[in-house]
Amino acid sequence: MFSHYELTTEPTASATEPVAEVPADSLNLVVHIHSEDDEVRARAVAAPLTLHLTATDKLITAVDAICSAWELDSSKVRLWDYYSQNRYSLMTDLQKTMDGSKLYAGQDLLIECQLAGGGWTFDASSCQTNETNTNETAGSSSTPPWNARSSTYNNNRLDPGEDVVTNATPPPLAGVVGLANLGNTCFMNSIIQCLSNLPLLRRYFDGALHVPDLNRDNPLGAKGEVAEAFCGLLGLLWGNTASVVSPRKFKFVMGQHAPQFVGYAQHDSQAPAQPSPSPSPSPWP
């Protein structure tokens, strides 16, 4: 999986080093490095790095911590969202928070070092970045419909808010697909699995039958974005092209319209399935 210049590091404990206090809401982001410099890679191997930052910390804080730990020039590195150890998107806006950049607890980051000649190893000309407009990633009326029987859902283009296939092995049976845990999102995953296996509800979203019912004008609603995000996620769960899906987009959209779900706190499973009793945050859909 890793090239000659790309290293994965595992944290090690030392009996002689004091243990720093880790915040209760730490994201525990594991850092990897890509560099052509043998000395840089050796420093990274000698000092494995896990960042104990929170969802409200800015990306520049992560870059500064990485550069300090591994003696890197911050003007000659780039930070990548390395979800499931795949380069997912380039973190170009370092003033955004971890949560605003859709980084999740326990995931990986990749720091890429500039080449000696001044260029970069990875082509970023057509990659996704964390500067994508929230309204674009949250869903739109142009979201393609899916069809559970013909598997015609279009999942060719990913954006920083897209749900991700983490295991592309076809499922043993249609709909028997796992959902990756994004921090403490087992509450969300369990209710998604329950709703996903309601045949009448699936048929409602199949072929975009829900579109005429979307209320984009209700100031207390979610402009239909939660419903569209759920529709897109169903497309992956019933598209027969994956056995594990990471519901990144659905998690982000849900947090945008119901702030109690921003971050990684635990909730009861019924919480995301019912409207809020107050007008803020917004009730579904």
C-alpha atoms as a PDB file:
ATOM      1  CA  MET A   1       0.000   0.000   0.000  1.00  0.00           C
ATOM      2  CA  PHE A   2       2.859   2.355   0.791  1.00  0.00           C
ATOM      3  CA  SER A   3       5.495   3.544  -1.680  1.00  0.00           C
ATOM      4  CA  HIS A   4       9.228   3.629  -0.926  1.00  0.00           C
ATOM      5  CA  TYR A   5       8.839   7.216   0.237  1.00  0.00           C
ATOM      6  CA  GLU A   6       5.614   6.792   2.174  1.00  0.00           C
ATOM      7  CA  LEU A   7       5.639   5.553   5.734  1.00  0.00           C
ATOM      8  CA  THR A   8       2.984   4.453   8.143  1.00  0.00           C
ATOM      9  CA  THR A   9       3.886   4.802  11.789  1.00  0.00           C
ATOM     10  CA  GLU A  10       2.444   3.142  14.856  1.00  0.00           C
ATOM     11  CA  PRO A  11       2.446   4.943  18.221  1.00  0.00           C
ATOM     12  CA  THR A  12       4.745   3.435  20.826  1.00  0.00           C
ATOM     13  CA  ALA A  13       4.726   3.927  24.571  1.00  0.00           C
ATOM     14  CA  SER A  14       7.844   4.871  26.507  1.00  0.00           C
ATOM     15  CA  ALA A  15       8.254   4.303  30.212  1.00  0.00           C
ATOM     16  CA  THR A  16      10.666   7.218  30.509  1.00  0.00           C
ATOM     17  CA  GLU A  17       8.509   9.859  28.827  1.00  0.00           C
ATOM     18  CA  PRO A  18       5.715  11.658  30.716  1.00  0.00           C
ATOM     19  CA  VAL A  19       2.240  10.943  29.412  1.00  0.00           C
ATOM     20  CA  ALA A  20       0.503  14.118  28.291  1.00  0.00           C
ATOM     21  CA  GLU A  21      -3.098  14.570  29.279  1.00  0.00           C
ATOM     22  CA  VAL A  22      -5.364  13.596  26.383  1.00  0.00           C
ATOM     23  CA  PRO A  23      -8.626  15.562  26.018  1.00  0.00           C
ATOM     24  CA  ALA A  24     -11.745  13.485  26.529  1.00  0.00           C
ATOM     25  CA  ASP A  25     -12.959  14.536  23.082  1.00  0.00           C
ATOM     26  CA  SER A  26      -9.622  13.945  21.340  1.00  0.00           C
ATOM     27  CA  LEU A  27      -9.862  12.823  17.714  1.00  0.00           C
ATOM     28  CA  ASN A  28      -6.652  10.739  17.970  1.00  0.00           C
ATOM     29  CA  LEU A  29      -5.548  11.412  14.389  1.00  0.00           C
ATOM     30  CA  VAL A  30      -2.759   9.092  13.225  1.00  0.00           C
ATOM     31  CA  VAL A  31      -0.173  10.876  11.067  1.00  0.00           C
ATOM     32  CA  HIS A  32       1.694   9.305   8.127  1.00  0.00           C
ATOM     33  CA  ILE A  33       4.422  10.894   6.026  1.00  0.00           C
ATOM     34  CA  HIS A  34       5.428  10.890   2.370  1.00  0.00           C
ATOM     35  CA  SER A  35       8.960  12.148   1.741  1.00  0.00           C
ATOM     36  CA  GLU A  36      11.915  11.373  -0.531  1.00  0.00           C
ATOM     37  CA  ASP A  37      14.311  12.419   2.246  1.00  0.00           C
ATOM     38  CA  ASP A  38      15.744   9.454   4.170  1.00  0.00           C
ATOM     39  CA  GLU A  39      16.473  11.584   7.243  1.00  0.00           C
ATOM     40  CA  VAL A  40      12.905  12.914   7.379  1.00  0.00           C
ATOM     41  CA  ARG A  41      11.477   9.409   7.146  1.00  0.00           C
ATOM     42  CA  ALA A  42      13.869   8.225   9.846  1.00  0.00           C
ATOM     43  CA  ARG A  43      12.694  10.982  12.196  1.00  0.00           C
ATOM     44  CA  ALA A  44       9.088   9.997  11.580  1.00  0.00           C
ATOM     45  CA  VAL A  45       9.835   6.343  12.311  1.00  0.00           C
ATOM     46  CA  ALA A  46      11.671   7.287  15.497  1.00  0.00           C
ATOM     47  CA  ALA A  47       8.783   9.413  16.762  1.00  0.00           C
ATOM     48  CA  PRO A  48       5.374   7.991  15.703  1.00  0.00           C
ATOM     49  CA  LEU A  49       2.742  10.687  15.949  1.00  0.00           C
ATOM     50  CA  THR A  50      -0.905  10.713  16.974  1.00  0.00           C
ATOM     51  CA  LEU A  51      -2.531  14.151  17.250  1.00  0.00           C
ATOM     52  CA  HIS A  52      -4.786  14.591  20.272  1.00  0.00           C
ATOM     53  CA  LEU A  53      -6.731  17.487  18.809  1.00  0.00           C
ATOM     54  CA  THR A  54     -10.433  18.208  19.118  1.00  0.00           C
ATOM     55  CA  ALA A  55     -13.108  18.891  16.506  1.00  0.00           C
ATOM     56  CA  THR A  56     -12.843  22.660  17.068  1.00  0.00           C
ATOM     57  CA  ASP A  57      -9.073  22.856  16.546  1.00  0.00           C
ATOM     58  CA  LYS A  58      -7.889  24.319  13.258  1.00  0.00           C
ATOM     59  CA  LEU A  59      -5.912  22.406  10.653  1.00  0.00           C
ATOM     60  CA  ILE A  60      -3.008  24.835  10.993  1.00  0.00           C
ATOM     61  CA  THR A  61      -2.629  23.543  14.554  1.00  0.00           C
ATOM     62  CA  ALA A  62      -2.179  20.030  13.171  1.00  0.00           C
ATOM     63  CA  VAL A  63       0.393  21.163  10.606  1.00  0.00           C
ATOM     64  CA  ASP A  64       2.351  23.098  13.233  1.00  0.00           C
ATOM     65  CA  ALA A  65       2.361  20.101  15.578  1.00  0.00           C
ATOM     66  CA  ILE A  66       3.530  17.733  12.839  1.00  0.00           C
ATOM     67  CA  CYS A  67       6.281  20.060  11.660  1.00  0.00           C
ATOM     68  CA  SER A  68       7.462  20.618  15.220  1.00  0.00           C
ATOM     69  CA  ALA A  69       7.563  16.889  16.007  1.00  0.00           C
ATOM     70  CA  TRP A  70       9.342  15.867  12.814  1.00  0.00           C
ATOM     71  CA  GLU A  71      11.419  19.036  12.209  1.00  0.00           C
ATOM     72  CA  LEU A  72       9.737  19.942   8.929  1.00  0.00           C
ATOM     73  CA  ASP A  73       9.488  23.290   7.144  1.00  0.00           C
ATOM     74  CA  SER A  74       5.791  24.197   7.302  1.00  0.00           C
ATOM     75  CA  SER A  75       6.101  26.119   4.008  1.00  0.00           C
ATOM     76  CA  LYS A  76       7.144  22.914   2.233  1.00  0.00           C
ATOM     77  CA  VAL A  77       4.450  20.459   3.301  1.00  0.00           C
ATOM     78  CA  ARG A  78       0.862  19.691   2.351  1.00  0.00           C
ATOM     79  CA  LEU A  79      -1.777  18.027   4.506  1.00  0.00           C
ATOM     80  CA  TRP A  80      -4.083  15.333   3.137  1.00  0.00           C
ATOM     81  CA  ASP A  81      -7.241  13.769   4.515  1.00  0.00           C
ATOM     82  CA  TYR A  82      -5.951  10.173   4.514  1.00  0.00           C
ATOM     83  CA  TYR A  83      -9.185   8.415   5.405  1.00  0.00           C
ATOM     84  CA  SER A  84      -8.752   4.607   5.350  1.00  0.00           C
ATOM     85  CA  GLN A  85      -5.155   5.312   4.255  1.00  0.00           C
ATOM     86  CA  ASN A  86      -6.263   6.662   0.895  1.00  0.00           C
ATOM     87  CA  ARG A  87      -5.638  10.247  -0.212  1.00  0.00           C
ATOM     88  CA  TYR A  88      -9.180  11.531   0.012  1.00  0.00           C
ATOM     89  CA  SER A  89      -8.845  15.306  -0.246  1.00  0.00           C
ATOM     90  CA  LEU A  90      -6.178  18.007   0.052  1.00  0.00           C
ATOM     91  CA  MET A  91      -6.473  20.306   3.059  1.00  0.00           C
ATOM     92  CA  THR A  92      -5.882  23.653   1.342  1.00  0.00           C
ATOM     93  CA  ASP A  93      -7.778  25.837   3.832  1.00  0.00           C
ATOM     94  CA  LEU A  94      -5.772  25.416   7.034  1.00  0.00           C
ATOM     95  CA  GLN A  95      -7.976  27.893   8.923  1.00  0.00           C
ATOM     96  CA  LYS A  96     -10.873  25.451   8.871  1.00  0.00           C
ATOM     97  CA  THR A  97     -11.597  23.314  11.919  1.00  0.00           C
ATOM     98  CA  MET A  98     -11.246  19.544  12.013  1.00  0.00           C
ATOM     99  CA  ASP A  99     -15.012  19.152  12.018  1.00  0.00           C
ATOM    100  CA  GLY A 100     -15.448  21.738   9.256  1.00  0.00           C
ATOM    101  CA  SER A 101     -13.017  19.723   7.131  1.00  0.00           C
ATOM    102  CA  LYS A 102     -14.946  16.506   7.835  1.00  0.00           C
ATOM    103  CA  LEU A 103     -12.157  14.746   9.719  1.00  0.00           C
ATOM    104  CA  TYR A 104     -13.308  11.972  12.014  1.00  0.00           C
ATOM    105  CA  ALA A 105     -12.069  10.411  15.229  1.00  0.00           C
ATOM    106  CA  GLY A 106      -9.383   7.785  14.769  1.00  0.00           C
ATOM    107  CA  GLN A 107      -8.772   8.478  11.104  1.00  0.00           C
ATOM    108  CA  ASP A 108      -5.431   9.008   9.346  1.00  0.00           C
ATOM    109  CA  LEU A 109      -3.713  12.139   8.058  1.00  0.00           C
ATOM    110  CA  LEU A 110      -0.888  12.302   5.515  1.00  0.00           C
ATOM    111  CA  ILE A 111       1.772  15.002   5.493  1.00  0.00           C
ATOM    112  CA  GLU A 112       3.404  15.290   2.059  1.00  0.00           C
ATOM    113  CA  CYS A 113       6.858  16.865   1.845  1.00  0.00           C
ATOM    114  CA  GLN A 114       7.838  18.941  -1.157  1.00  0.00           C
ATOM    115  CA  LEU A 115      10.348  17.399  -3.559  1.00  0.00           C
ATOM    116  CA  ALA A 116      13.908  18.703  -3.674  1.00  0.00           C
ATOM    117  CA  GLY A 117      13.195  20.255  -7.071  1.00  0.00           C
ATOM    118  CA  GLY A 118      10.230  22.182  -5.694  1.00  0.00           C
ATOM    119  CA  GLY A 119       7.379  20.051  -7.002  1.00  0.00           C
ATOM    120  CA  TRP A 120       5.052  17.542  -5.367  1.00  0.00           C
ATOM    121  CA  THR A 121       4.750  13.783  -5.712  1.00  0.00           C
ATOM    122  CA  PHE A 122       0.968  13.731  -5.932  1.00  0.00           C
ATOM    123  CA  ASP A 123      -0.961  15.562  -8.635  1.00  0.00           C
ATOM    124  CA  ALA A 124      -3.472  17.814  -6.900  1.00  0.00           C
ATOM    125  CA  SER A 125      -4.758  19.613 -10.011  1.00  0.00           C
ATOM    126  CA  SER A 126      -8.015  17.675 -10.095  1.00  0.00           C
ATOM    127  CA  CYS A 127      -8.306  16.459  -6.518  1.00  0.00           C
ATOM    128  CA  GLN A 128     -10.956  17.465  -4.024  1.00  0.00           C
ATOM    129  CA  THR A 129     -10.151  19.967  -1.294  1.00  0.00           C
ATOM    130  CA  ASN A 130     -11.674  21.064   2.004  1.00  0.00           C
ATOM    131  CA  GLU A 131     -12.684  24.386   0.446  1.00  0.00           C
ATOM    132  CA  THR A 132     -15.757  22.874  -1.253  1.00  0.00           C
ATOM    133  CA  ASN A 133     -18.853  24.929  -0.560  1.00  0.00           C
ATOM    134  CA  THR A 134     -20.993  23.393   2.180  1.00  0.00           C
ATOM    135  CA  ASN A 135     -24.182  23.882   0.170  1.00  0.00           C
ATOM    136  CA  GLU A 136     -22.695  21.921  -2.706  1.00  0.00           C
ATOM    137  CA  THR A 137     -21.714  18.958  -0.547  1.00  0.00           C
ATOM    138  CA  ALA A 138     -24.880  18.946   1.492  1.00  0.00           C
ATOM    139  CA  GLY A 139     -27.039  17.855  -1.420  1.00  0.00           C
ATOM    140  CA  SER A 140     -28.873  19.461  -4.313  1.00  0.00           C
ATOM    141  CA  SER A 141     -31.804  18.841  -6.603  1.00  0.00           C
ATOM    142  CA  SER A 142     -29.360  17.440  -9.166  1.00  0.00           C
ATOM    143  CA  THR A 143     -28.465  14.467  -6.938  1.00  0.00           C
ATOM    144  CA  PRO A 144     -28.871  11.406  -9.206  1.00  0.00           C
ATOM    145  CA  PRO A 145     -31.554   8.931  -8.206  1.00  0.00           C
ATOM    146  CA  TRP A 146     -30.718   5.361  -7.378  1.00  0.00           C
ATOM    147  CA  ASN A 147     -32.477   2.145  -8.222  1.00  0.00           C
ATOM    148  CA  ALA A 148     -31.954  -0.793  -5.889  1.00  0.00           C
ATOM    149  CA  ARG A 149     -33.047  -3.300  -8.534  1.00  0.00           C
ATOM    150  CA  SER A 150     -30.891  -2.108 -11.403  1.00  0.00           C
ATOM    151  CA  SER A 151     -28.001  -0.606  -9.382  1.00  0.00           C
ATOM    152  CA  THR A 152     -27.932   2.523 -11.522  1.00  0.00           C
ATOM    153  CA  TYR A 153     -26.846   4.910  -8.779  1.00  0.00           C
ATOM    154  CA  ASN A 154     -24.022   7.118 -10.022  1.00  0.00           C
ATOM    155  CA  ASN A 155     -21.150   7.036  -7.536  1.00  0.00           C
ATOM    156  CA  ASN A 156     -18.321   7.911  -9.910  1.00  0.00           C
ATOM    157  CA  ARG A 157     -17.570  11.362  -8.509  1.00  0.00           C
ATOM    158  CA  LEU A 158     -16.670  11.953  -4.889  1.00  0.00           C
ATOM    159  CA  ASP A 159     -16.506  15.297  -3.123  1.00  0.00           C
ATOM    160  CA  PRO A 160     -15.227  16.028   0.388  1.00  0.00           C
ATOM    161  CA  GLY A 161     -18.677  15.388   1.826  1.00  0.00           C
ATOM    162  CA  GLU A 162     -19.393  12.169  -0.050  1.00  0.00           C
ATOM    163  CA  ASP A 163     -20.119   8.815   1.552  1.00  0.00           C
ATOM    164  CA  VAL A 164     -17.181   6.499   0.901  1.00  0.00           C
ATOM    165  CA  VAL A 165     -16.933   2.844  -0.061  1.00  0.00           C
ATOM    166  CA  THR A 166     -14.285   1.426   2.286  1.00  0.00           C
ATOM    167  CA  ASN A 167     -14.614  -2.157   1.061  1.00  0.00           C
ATOM    168  CA  ALA A 168     -15.576  -2.627  -2.591  1.00  0.00           C
ATOM    169  CA  THR A 169     -16.217  -6.356  -2.262  1.00  0.00           C
ATOM    170  CA  PRO A 170     -19.784  -7.078  -3.425  1.00  0.00           C
ATOM    171  CA  PRO A 171     -22.070  -7.989  -0.505  1.00  0.00           C
ATOM    172  CA  PRO A 172     -23.202 -11.600  -0.048  1.00  0.00           C
ATOM    173  CA  LEU A 173     -26.822 -10.428  -0.300  1.00  0.00           C
ATOM    174  CA  ALA A 174     -28.360  -7.153  -1.495  1.00  0.00           C
ATOM    175  CA  GLY A 175     -28.339  -4.609   1.302  1.00  0.00           C
ATOM    176  CA  VAL A 176     -26.076  -6.635   3.619  1.00  0.00           C
ATOM    177  CA  VAL A 177     -23.592  -3.795   3.894  1.00  0.00           C
ATOM    178  CA  GLY A 178     -21.749  -2.550   6.963  1.00  0.00           C
ATOM    179  CA  LEU A 179     -21.403   1.083   8.041  1.00  0.00           C
ATOM    180  CA  ALA A 180     -18.029   2.282   9.325  1.00  0.00           C
ATOM    181  CA  ASN A 181     -17.986   3.933  12.736  1.00  0.00           C
ATOM    182  CA  LEU A 182     -17.030   7.630  12.596  1.00  0.00           C
ATOM    183  CA  GLY A 183     -16.043   8.164  16.197  1.00  0.00           C
ATOM    184  CA  ASN A 184     -19.132   7.364  18.311  1.00  0.00           C
ATOM    185  CA  THR A 185     -21.634   7.045  15.465  1.00  0.00           C
ATOM    186  CA  CYS A 186     -22.916   3.561  16.249  1.00  0.00           C
ATOM    187  CA  PHE A 187     -26.189   5.248  17.302  1.00  0.00           C
ATOM    188  CA  MET A 188     -26.536   6.750  13.827  1.00  0.00           C
ATOM    189  CA  ASN A 189     -25.427   3.614  11.984  1.00  0.00           C
ATOM    190  CA  SER A 190     -27.921   1.415  13.795  1.00  0.00           C
ATOM    191  CA  ILE A 191     -30.917   3.585  12.918  1.00  0.00           C
ATOM    192  CA  ILE A 192     -29.699   3.923   9.297  1.00  0.00           C
ATOM    193  CA  GLN A 193     -29.589   0.133   9.031  1.00  0.00           C
ATOM    194  CA  CYS A 194     -33.122  -0.122  10.438  1.00  0.00           C
ATOM    195  CA  LEU A 195     -34.508   2.485   8.036  1.00  0.00           C
ATOM    196  CA  SER A 196     -32.574   1.007   5.127  1.00  0.00           C
ATOM    197  CA  ASN A 197     -34.330  -2.317   5.582  1.00  0.00           C
ATOM    198  CA  LEU A 198     -37.868  -0.926   5.430  1.00  0.00           C
ATOM    199  CA  PRO A 199     -39.063  -1.945   1.928  1.00  0.00           C
ATOM    200  CA  LEU A 200     -41.746   0.774   1.699  1.00  0.00           C
ATOM    201  CA  LEU A 201     -39.229   3.478   2.617  1.00  0.00           C
ATOM    202  CA  ARG A 202     -36.713   2.176   0.078  1.00  0.00           C
ATOM    203  CA  ARG A 203     -39.315   2.232  -2.664  1.00  0.00           C
ATOM    204  CA  TYR A 204     -40.168   5.821  -1.706  1.00  0.00           C
ATOM    205  CA  PHE A 205     -36.585   6.901  -2.415  1.00  0.00           C
ATOM    206  CA  ASP A 206     -36.125   4.511  -5.342  1.00  0.00           C
ATOM    207  CA  GLY A 207     -36.472   6.502  -8.563  1.00  0.00           C
ATOM    208  CA  ALA A 208     -36.537   9.796  -6.618  1.00  0.00           C
ATOM    209  CA  LEU A 209     -40.196   9.446  -5.622  1.00  0.00           C
ATOM    210  CA  HIS A 210     -39.415  11.600  -2.586  1.00  0.00           C
ATOM    211  CA  VAL A 211     -38.384  14.643  -4.635  1.00  0.00           C
ATOM    212  CA  PRO A 212     -41.909  16.161  -5.003  1.00  0.00           C
ATOM    213  CA  ASP A 213     -42.255  16.088  -1.211  1.00  0.00           C
ATOM    214  CA  LEU A 214     -39.028  17.968  -0.462  1.00  0.00           C
ATOM    215  CA  ASN A 215     -39.740  21.274   1.287  1.00  0.00           C
ATOM    216  CA  ARG A 216     -36.896  23.611   0.399  1.00  0.00           C
ATOM    217  CA  ASP A 217     -38.655  26.748   1.679  1.00  0.00           C
ATOM    218  CA  ASN A 218     -39.372  25.845   5.301  1.00  0.00           C
ATOM    219  CA  PRO A 219     -37.060  28.072   7.393  1.00  0.00           C
ATOM    220  CA  LEU A 220     -37.157  25.496  10.192  1.00  0.00           C
ATOM    221  CA  GLY A 221     -36.392  22.573   7.893  1.00  0.00           C
ATOM    222  CA  ALA A 222     -33.250  21.216   6.254  1.00  0.00           C
ATOM    223  CA  LYS A 223     -34.094  22.273   2.670  1.00  0.00           C
ATOM    224  CA  GLY A 224     -34.445  18.596   1.779  1.00  0.00           C
ATOM    225  CA  GLU A 225     -30.706  18.065   2.206  1.00  0.00           C
ATOM    226  CA  VAL A 226     -30.971  15.374   4.898  1.00  0.00           C
ATOM    227  CA  ALA A 227     -33.442  13.437   2.742  1.00  0.00           C
ATOM    228  CA  GLU A 228     -31.175  13.701  -0.286  1.00  0.00           C
ATOM    229  CA  ALA A 229     -28.138  12.640   1.718  1.00  0.00           C
ATOM    230  CA  PHE A 230     -30.095   9.631   2.993  1.00  0.00           C
ATOM    231  CA  CYS A 231     -31.151   8.801  -0.563  1.00  0.00           C
ATOM    232  CA  GLY A 232     -27.534   8.865  -1.717  1.00  0.00           C
ATOM    233  CA  LEU A 233     -26.455   6.639   1.157  1.00  0.00           C
ATOM    234  CA  LEU A 234     -29.194   4.132   0.325  1.00  0.00           C
ATOM    235  CA  GLY A 235     -27.776   4.004  -3.185  1.00  0.00           C
ATOM    236  CA  LEU A 236     -24.493   2.706  -1.823  1.00  0.00           C
ATOM    237  CA  LEU A 237     -26.101   0.323   0.641  1.00  0.00           C
ATOM    238  CA  TRP A 238     -28.260  -1.274  -2.069  1.00  0.00           C
ATOM    239  CA  GLY A 239     -26.043  -0.821  -5.130  1.00  0.00           C
ATOM    240  CA  ASN A 240     -24.397  -4.255  -4.779  1.00  0.00           C
ATOM    241  CA  THR A 241     -20.957  -2.666  -5.204  1.00  0.00           C
ATOM    242  CA  ALA A 242     -19.747  -2.480  -1.599  1.00  0.00           C
ATOM    243  CA  SER A 243     -19.686  -4.473   1.613  1.00  0.00           C
ATOM    244  CA  VAL A 244     -18.646  -1.568   3.877  1.00  0.00           C
ATOM    245  CA  VAL A 245     -19.570   2.112   3.498  1.00  0.00           C
ATOM    246  CA  SER A 246     -18.398   5.099   5.517  1.00  0.00           C
ATOM    247  CA  PRO A 247     -21.379   7.512   5.895  1.00  0.00           C
ATOM    248  CA  ARG A 248     -19.235  10.673   5.954  1.00  0.00           C
ATOM    249  CA  LYS A 249     -21.587  12.840   3.931  1.00  0.00           C
ATOM    250  CA  PHE A 250     -24.707  11.845   5.845  1.00  0.00           C
ATOM    251  CA  LYS A 251     -22.945  12.501   9.163  1.00  0.00           C
ATOM    252  CA  PHE A 252     -21.808  15.944   7.996  1.00  0.00           C
ATOM    253  CA  VAL A 253     -25.196  16.967   6.584  1.00  0.00           C
ATOM    254  CA  MET A 254     -26.978  15.791   9.721  1.00  0.00           C
ATOM    255  CA  GLY A 255     -24.629  17.908  11.851  1.00  0.00           C
ATOM    256  CA  GLN A 256     -25.166  20.949   9.637  1.00  0.00           C
ATOM    257  CA  HIS A 257     -28.899  20.933  10.358  1.00  0.00           C
ATOM    258  CA  ALA A 258     -28.911  19.504  13.895  1.00  0.00           C
ATOM    259  CA  PRO A 259     -25.910  20.892  15.804  1.00  0.00           C
ATOM    260  CA  GLN A 260     -26.309  18.370  18.627  1.00  0.00           C
ATOM    261  CA  PHE A 261     -24.864  15.812  16.203  1.00  0.00           C
ATOM    262  CA  VAL A 262     -21.762  17.858  15.361  1.00  0.00           C
ATOM    263  CA  GLY A 263     -18.701  16.195  16.827  1.00  0.00           C
ATOM    264  CA  TYR A 264     -18.420  12.710  18.200  1.00  0.00           C
ATOM    265  CA  ALA A 265     -20.537  12.501  21.351  1.00  0.00           C
ATOM    266  CA  GLN A 266     -22.671   9.438  22.015  1.00  0.00           C
ATOM    267  CA  HIS A 267     -26.444   9.589  21.515  1.00  0.00           C
ATOM    268  CA  ASP A 268     -29.397   7.242  21.690  1.00  0.00           C
ATOM    269  CA  SER A 269     -30.298   5.543  18.413  1.00  0.00           C
ATOM    270  CA  GLN A 270     -33.753   7.099  18.255  1.00  0.00           C
ATOM    271  CA  ALA A 271     -32.336  10.659  18.453  1.00  0.00           C
ATOM    272  CA  PRO A 272     -31.491  11.129  14.737  1.00  0.00           C
ATOM    273  CA  ALA A 273     -34.791   9.537  13.700  1.00  0.00           C
ATOM    274  CA  GLN A 274     -37.078  12.025  15.423  1.00  0.00           C
ATOM    275  CA  PRO A 275     -37.583  15.785  15.069  1.00  0.00           C
ATOM    276  CA  SER A 276     -36.116  18.124  17.636  1.00  0.00           C
ATOM    277  CA  PRO A 277     -38.720  19.425  20.139  1.00  0.00           C
ATOM    278  CA  SER A 278     -37.452  22.981  19.622  1.00  0.00           C
ATOM    279  CA  PRO A 279     -37.308  25.041  16.412  1.00  0.00           C
ATOM    280  CA  SER A 280     -33.509  25.052  16.560  1.00  0.00           C
ATOM    281  CA  PRO A 281     -31.824  22.827  15.516  1.00  0.00           C
ATOM    282  CA  SER A 282     -34.048  22.128  12.579  1.00  0.00           C
ATOM    283  CA  PRO A 283     -36.427  19.161  12.446  1.00  0.00           C
ATOM    284  CA  TRP A 284     -36.214  16.742   9.549  1.00  0.00           C
ATOM    285  CA  PRO A 285     -36.141  16.449   6.685  1.00  0.00           C
END
